[in-house]
């Protein structure tokens, strides 16, 4: 499966943001496209990334913005904090709808039951399987907390 869909959408949206003078969106989309190009040209990568790989890059960029925003808010840098939040909001528009807490709990319960996970020692393997099945619809911190609670 080629990533023409999502990467092309981002490229098209970048052109629209440039024409509209939307600096936040322009900067954010350029950064994501750079990350996608870097991944495509990395050693061992094929020509085009799969949709899942592009989604993983976007999710990673969202996580970076979230972590930076936390740092800036802690340092009292409200303008920089707001910029990170604005960029994160732009990126989240390209991710699938996140799992609701109930959907995540159901997914965790089914993975734990089918995988035979029962102790805290199984947590890493269970988290990995849940993350794969969530396909970018849940962040690692939330999945980890949910799996930890289910295995306690």
Protein backbone atom coordinates (compact mmCIF):
# COMPACT_ATOMS: atom_id res chain seq x y z
CA UNK A 1 0.00 0.00 0.00
CA UNK A 2 1.46 3.34 -0.97
CA UNK A 3 1.35 6.39 1.26
CA UNK A 4 0.21 8.54 -1.63
CA UNK A 5 -3.05 9.20 0.16
CA UNK A 6 -1.93 10.77 3.42
CA UNK A 7 1.39 12.24 2.26
CA UNK A 8 -0.34 13.79 -0.77
CA UNK A 9 -3.09 15.19 1.44
CA UNK A 10 -0.47 16.80 3.68
CA UNK A 11 1.35 18.22 0.64
CA UNK A 12 -1.92 19.64 -0.75
CA UNK A 13 -2.79 21.11 2.65
CA UNK A 14 0.69 22.68 2.84
CA UNK A 15 0.15 24.48 -0.47
CA UNK A 16 -3.24 25.71 0.78
CA UNK A 17 -1.67 26.88 4.08
CA UNK A 18 1.03 28.79 2.19
CA UNK A 19 -1.59 30.50 0.01
CA UNK A 20 -3.72 31.28 3.08
CA UNK A 21 -0.76 32.65 5.02
CA UNK A 22 -1.34 30.13 7.84
CA UNK A 23 2.15 30.13 9.37
CA UNK A 24 1.50 27.54 12.09
CA UNK A 25 0.04 25.03 9.65
CA UNK A 26 2.76 25.77 7.06
CA UNK A 27 5.61 25.23 9.54
CA UNK A 28 4.01 22.12 11.04
CA UNK A 29 3.25 20.43 7.71
CA UNK A 30 6.73 21.20 6.37
CA UNK A 31 8.23 19.52 9.44
CA UNK A 32 6.07 16.41 8.98
CA UNK A 33 6.86 16.19 5.26
CA UNK A 34 10.57 16.46 6.11
CA UNK A 35 10.21 13.60 8.61
CA UNK A 36 8.38 11.50 5.99
CA UNK A 37 11.08 12.20 3.36
CA UNK A 38 13.82 11.35 5.88
CA UNK A 39 12.11 8.03 6.68
CA UNK A 40 11.67 7.25 2.97
CA UNK A 41 15.35 7.82 2.25
CA UNK A 42 16.65 6.02 5.35
CA UNK A 43 18.81 2.95 4.80
CA UNK A 44 16.71 -0.09 4.02
CA UNK A 45 13.51 1.87 3.42
CA UNK A 46 11.54 1.26 0.27
CA UNK A 47 10.47 4.13 -1.96
CA UNK A 48 7.16 4.95 -0.37
CA UNK A 49 6.03 4.46 3.20
CA UNK A 50 2.84 2.62 4.09
CA UNK A 51 -0.09 4.57 5.55
CA UNK A 52 0.73 2.94 8.92
CA UNK A 53 4.32 4.22 8.74
CA UNK A 54 3.16 7.74 7.86
CA UNK A 55 0.64 7.63 10.73
CA UNK A 56 3.43 6.49 13.08
CA UNK A 57 5.54 9.49 12.02
CA UNK A 58 2.61 11.87 12.63
CA UNK A 59 1.92 10.25 16.02
CA UNK A 60 5.59 10.69 16.91
CA UNK A 61 5.44 14.37 15.91
CA UNK A 62 2.30 14.80 18.09
CA UNK A 63 4.14 13.19 21.02
CA UNK A 64 7.11 15.53 20.52
CA UNK A 65 4.79 18.57 20.55
CA UNK A 66 3.04 17.29 23.69
CA UNK A 67 6.34 16.77 25.53
CA UNK A 68 7.66 20.17 24.42
CA UNK A 69 4.42 21.86 25.52
CA UNK A 70 4.77 20.27 28.98
CA UNK A 71 8.35 21.57 29.25
CA UNK A 72 7.38 25.08 28.13
CA UNK A 73 4.39 25.34 30.45
CA UNK A 74 6.61 24.23 33.35
CA UNK A 75 9.14 26.93 32.41
CA UNK A 76 6.45 29.61 32.17
CA UNK A 77 7.00 30.04 28.41
CA UNK A 78 3.33 30.51 27.53
CA UNK A 79 3.85 31.70 23.94
CA UNK A 80 6.07 28.73 23.08
CA UNK A 81 3.68 26.40 24.92
CA UNK A 82 0.75 27.72 22.85
CA UNK A 83 2.73 27.27 19.61
CA UNK A 84 3.40 23.60 20.45
CA UNK A 85 -0.29 23.09 21.28
CA UNK A 86 -1.35 24.76 18.01
CA UNK A 87 1.06 22.57 16.00
CA UNK A 88 -0.15 19.45 17.83
CA UNK A 89 -3.75 20.36 16.97
CA UNK A 90 -2.83 20.64 13.27
CA UNK A 91 -1.17 17.20 13.36
CA UNK A 92 -3.98 15.51 15.26
CA UNK A 93 -6.26 16.31 12.33
CA UNK A 94 -4.35 13.70 10.29
CA UNK A 95 -4.61 10.91 12.87
CA UNK A 96 -7.54 8.52 13.14
CA UNK A 97 -10.10 9.20 15.85
CA UNK A 98 -8.58 8.09 19.18
CA UNK A 99 -10.05 5.10 20.99
CA UNK A 100 -12.52 6.01 23.72
CA UNK A 101 -11.58 4.85 27.25
CA UNK A 102 -14.19 2.08 26.96
CA UNK A 103 -12.89 0.96 23.56
CA UNK A 104 -9.34 0.89 24.91
CA UNK A 105 -10.40 -1.11 27.98
CA UNK A 106 -12.19 -3.62 25.71
CA UNK A 107 -9.10 -3.93 23.48
CA UNK A 108 -6.80 -4.40 26.50
CA UNK A 109 -9.14 -7.03 28.00
CA UNK A 110 -9.32 -8.97 24.73
CA UNK A 111 -5.53 -8.86 24.19
CA UNK A 112 -4.86 -10.00 27.77
CA UNK A 113 -7.40 -12.84 27.47
CA UNK A 114 -6.24 -14.05 24.04
CA UNK A 115 -2.54 -13.64 24.83
CA UNK A 116 -2.74 -15.37 28.18
CA UNK A 117 -1.08 -12.42 29.94
CA UNK A 118 -1.61 -12.52 33.71
CA UNK A 119 1.24 -10.86 35.60
CA UNK A 120 3.16 -7.57 35.61
CA UNK A 121 6.01 -9.51 33.89
CA UNK A 122 3.75 -9.84 30.83
CA UNK A 123 3.16 -6.09 30.67
CA UNK A 124 5.70 -5.27 27.93
CA UNK A 125 4.42 -7.95 25.56
CA UNK A 126 0.78 -7.01 26.26
CA UNK A 127 1.46 -3.29 25.65
CA UNK A 128 3.23 -4.09 22.37
CA UNK A 129 0.27 -6.15 21.15
CA UNK A 130 -2.30 -3.54 22.22
CA UNK A 131 -0.30 -0.77 20.49
CA UNK A 132 -0.20 -2.82 17.27
CA UNK A 133 -3.95 -3.45 17.37
CA UNK A 134 -4.74 0.17 18.30
CA UNK A 135 -2.97 1.24 15.07
CA UNK A 136 -2.16 4.77 16.17
CA UNK A 137 -5.48 5.35 17.87
CA UNK A 138 -4.00 5.36 21.41
CA UNK A 139 -0.79 6.76 22.85
CA UNK A 140 1.75 4.60 24.68
CA UNK A 141 1.27 6.29 28.05
CA UNK A 142 -2.49 5.61 28.05
CA UNK A 143 -2.05 2.02 26.85
CA UNK A 144 0.62 1.37 29.48
CA UNK A 145 -1.64 2.69 32.25
CA UNK A 146 -4.60 0.63 31.03
CA UNK A 147 -2.58 -2.59 30.70
CA UNK A 148 -0.97 -2.00 34.10
CA UNK A 149 -4.38 -1.56 35.69
CA UNK A 150 -5.73 -4.70 33.99
CA UNK A 151 -2.76 -6.80 35.11
CA UNK A 152 -2.74 -5.60 38.73
